[in-house]
């Protein structure tokens, strides 16, 4: 009997709809179960319902940036692994702020080739989830 393994659930977030939709299409074509959000606020709400394995998010967005959304999501879903992508130089300051909070995130510079995104998602999913005390 063939046992189907569950697909990795990825939540893709960017306030640029074309980028979000394109990434979602690429990830679906490679077997991922993809949900999308176009803002940090929407990502937090969607994460609670879809419970993603991976959050793939832009950093610089509207009222709630991707870092703020990622922190809220990781508090609710500590097993969710987080990958950022950004084309903005201001992200270094935001990431330094997150380090003060005890969080260290990886960032890919836009534009990110699809092969690199797929490689990074597969690598982060393969890592063990740190234990939360």
Protein backbone atom coordinates (compact mmCIF):
# COMPACT_ATOMS: atom_id res chain seq x y z
CA UNK A 1 0.00 0.00 0.00
CA UNK A 2 1.32 3.44 -0.94
CA UNK A 3 1.36 5.86 1.98
CA UNK A 4 1.32 9.48 0.89
CA UNK A 5 3.50 11.77 2.98
CA UNK A 6 1.97 15.10 3.88
CA UNK A 7 3.08 18.05 1.78
CA UNK A 8 5.11 20.78 3.41
CA UNK A 9 2.79 23.73 4.11
CA UNK A 10 4.27 27.09 3.12
CA UNK A 11 2.72 30.48 3.82
CA UNK A 12 4.04 33.04 1.28
CA UNK A 13 3.72 36.70 2.24
CA UNK A 14 4.51 39.85 0.27
CA UNK A 15 2.58 43.06 -0.25
CA UNK A 16 3.52 42.90 -3.94
CA UNK A 17 0.78 40.61 -5.25
CA UNK A 18 2.66 39.58 -8.39
CA UNK A 19 5.62 38.34 -6.33
CA UNK A 20 3.38 36.45 -3.90
CA UNK A 21 1.34 34.82 -6.64
CA UNK A 22 4.43 33.89 -8.67
CA UNK A 23 6.18 32.32 -5.68
CA UNK A 24 3.02 30.40 -4.80
CA UNK A 25 2.76 29.05 -8.36
CA UNK A 26 6.41 27.93 -8.37
CA UNK A 27 6.12 26.25 -4.97
CA UNK A 28 2.88 24.45 -5.93
CA UNK A 29 4.55 23.15 -9.09
CA UNK A 30 7.22 21.61 -6.83
CA UNK A 31 4.76 19.83 -4.57
CA UNK A 32 4.30 22.27 -1.70
CA UNK A 33 0.93 23.04 -0.10
CA UNK A 34 0.86 26.85 -0.41
CA UNK A 35 -1.23 29.56 1.20
CA UNK A 36 -0.73 33.26 0.50
CA UNK A 37 -1.13 36.56 2.30
CA UNK A 38 -0.56 40.11 1.07
CA UNK A 39 0.22 41.76 4.42
CA UNK A 40 1.72 41.01 7.79
CA UNK A 41 -1.68 41.25 9.47
CA UNK A 42 -3.22 38.81 6.99
CA UNK A 43 -0.25 36.45 7.45
CA UNK A 44 -0.76 36.27 11.22
CA UNK A 45 -4.46 35.46 10.84
CA UNK A 46 -3.88 32.94 8.06
CA UNK A 47 -1.05 31.21 9.95
CA UNK A 48 -3.37 30.40 12.83
CA UNK A 49 -5.75 28.54 10.51
CA UNK A 50 -3.35 26.91 8.01
CA UNK A 51 -0.54 26.17 10.54
CA UNK A 52 2.34 26.39 8.04
CA UNK A 53 5.57 24.44 8.35
CA UNK A 54 7.41 27.37 6.73
CA UNK A 55 6.74 31.10 6.62
CA UNK A 56 8.35 32.68 3.52
CA UNK A 57 7.93 36.42 3.86
CA UNK A 58 9.10 39.78 2.65
CA UNK A 59 10.25 42.07 5.45
CA UNK A 60 9.29 45.59 4.41
CA UNK A 61 5.50 45.76 4.06
CA UNK A 62 2.65 48.03 5.14
CA UNK A 63 1.66 48.64 8.74
CA UNK A 64 2.96 45.31 10.09
CA UNK A 65 6.30 44.32 8.61
CA UNK A 66 7.33 40.74 7.96
CA UNK A 67 9.57 40.59 11.01
CA UNK A 68 6.73 41.62 13.35
CA UNK A 69 4.43 39.08 11.71
CA UNK A 70 7.09 36.35 11.96
CA UNK A 71 7.61 36.99 15.67
CA UNK A 72 3.86 36.80 16.36
CA UNK A 73 3.55 33.64 14.26
CA UNK A 74 6.55 31.98 15.92
CA UNK A 75 5.07 32.70 19.35
CA UNK A 76 1.84 30.96 18.33
CA UNK A 77 3.49 28.25 16.19
CA UNK A 78 7.02 27.63 17.50
CA UNK A 79 7.53 24.73 15.05
CA UNK A 80 7.04 27.07 12.05
CA UNK A 81 10.35 27.76 10.35
CA UNK A 82 10.92 31.23 8.94
CA UNK A 83 12.67 32.46 5.80
CA UNK A 84 12.79 36.11 4.80
CA UNK A 85 13.43 37.73 1.46
CA UNK A 86 13.89 41.42 0.90
CA UNK A 87 15.11 43.97 -1.58
CA UNK A 88 15.40 46.78 0.98
CA UNK A 89 18.61 47.86 2.71
CA UNK A 90 16.62 48.84 5.84
CA UNK A 91 16.12 45.17 6.68
CA UNK A 92 19.53 44.99 8.39
CA UNK A 93 18.30 47.33 11.14
CA UNK A 94 15.13 45.28 11.66
CA UNK A 95 17.12 42.04 11.87
CA UNK A 96 19.49 43.58 14.39
CA UNK A 97 16.45 44.49 16.51
CA UNK A 98 15.26 40.87 16.32
CA UNK A 99 18.66 39.64 17.55
CA UNK A 100 18.13 41.69 20.72
CA UNK A 101 14.93 39.67 21.20
CA UNK A 102 16.89 36.41 20.95
CA UNK A 103 15.85 35.59 17.40
CA UNK A 104 18.17 35.11 14.45
CA UNK A 105 16.56 34.85 11.02
CA UNK A 106 17.89 34.13 7.54
CA UNK A 107 17.31 36.63 4.72
CA UNK A 108 17.57 36.09 0.98
CA UNK A 109 18.15 39.18 -1.18
CA UNK A 110 15.55 39.96 -3.86
CA UNK A 111 15.40 38.98 -6.59
CA UNK A 112 15.81 35.40 -5.42
CA UNK A 113 16.07 32.75 -8.14
CA UNK A 114 13.38 30.06 -7.74
CA UNK A 115 16.02 27.31 -7.42
CA UNK A 116 17.52 29.09 -4.39
CA UNK A 117 14.10 29.50 -2.74
CA UNK A 118 13.34 25.80 -3.24
CA UNK A 119 16.78 24.83 -1.92
CA UNK A 120 16.39 27.06 1.17
CA UNK A 121 12.90 25.78 1.97
CA UNK A 122 14.01 22.15 1.67
CA UNK A 123 17.06 22.86 3.84
CA UNK A 124 15.13 24.63 6.59
CA UNK A 125 12.45 21.92 6.66
CA UNK A 126 15.14 19.26 7.07
CA UNK A 127 16.56 20.99 10.17
CA UNK A 128 15.29 19.87 13.54
CA UNK A 129 12.95 22.30 15.25
CA UNK A 130 14.61 23.79 18.35
CA UNK A 131 13.01 22.80 21.63
CA UNK A 132 11.05 25.57 23.32
CA UNK A 133 11.44 25.64 27.11
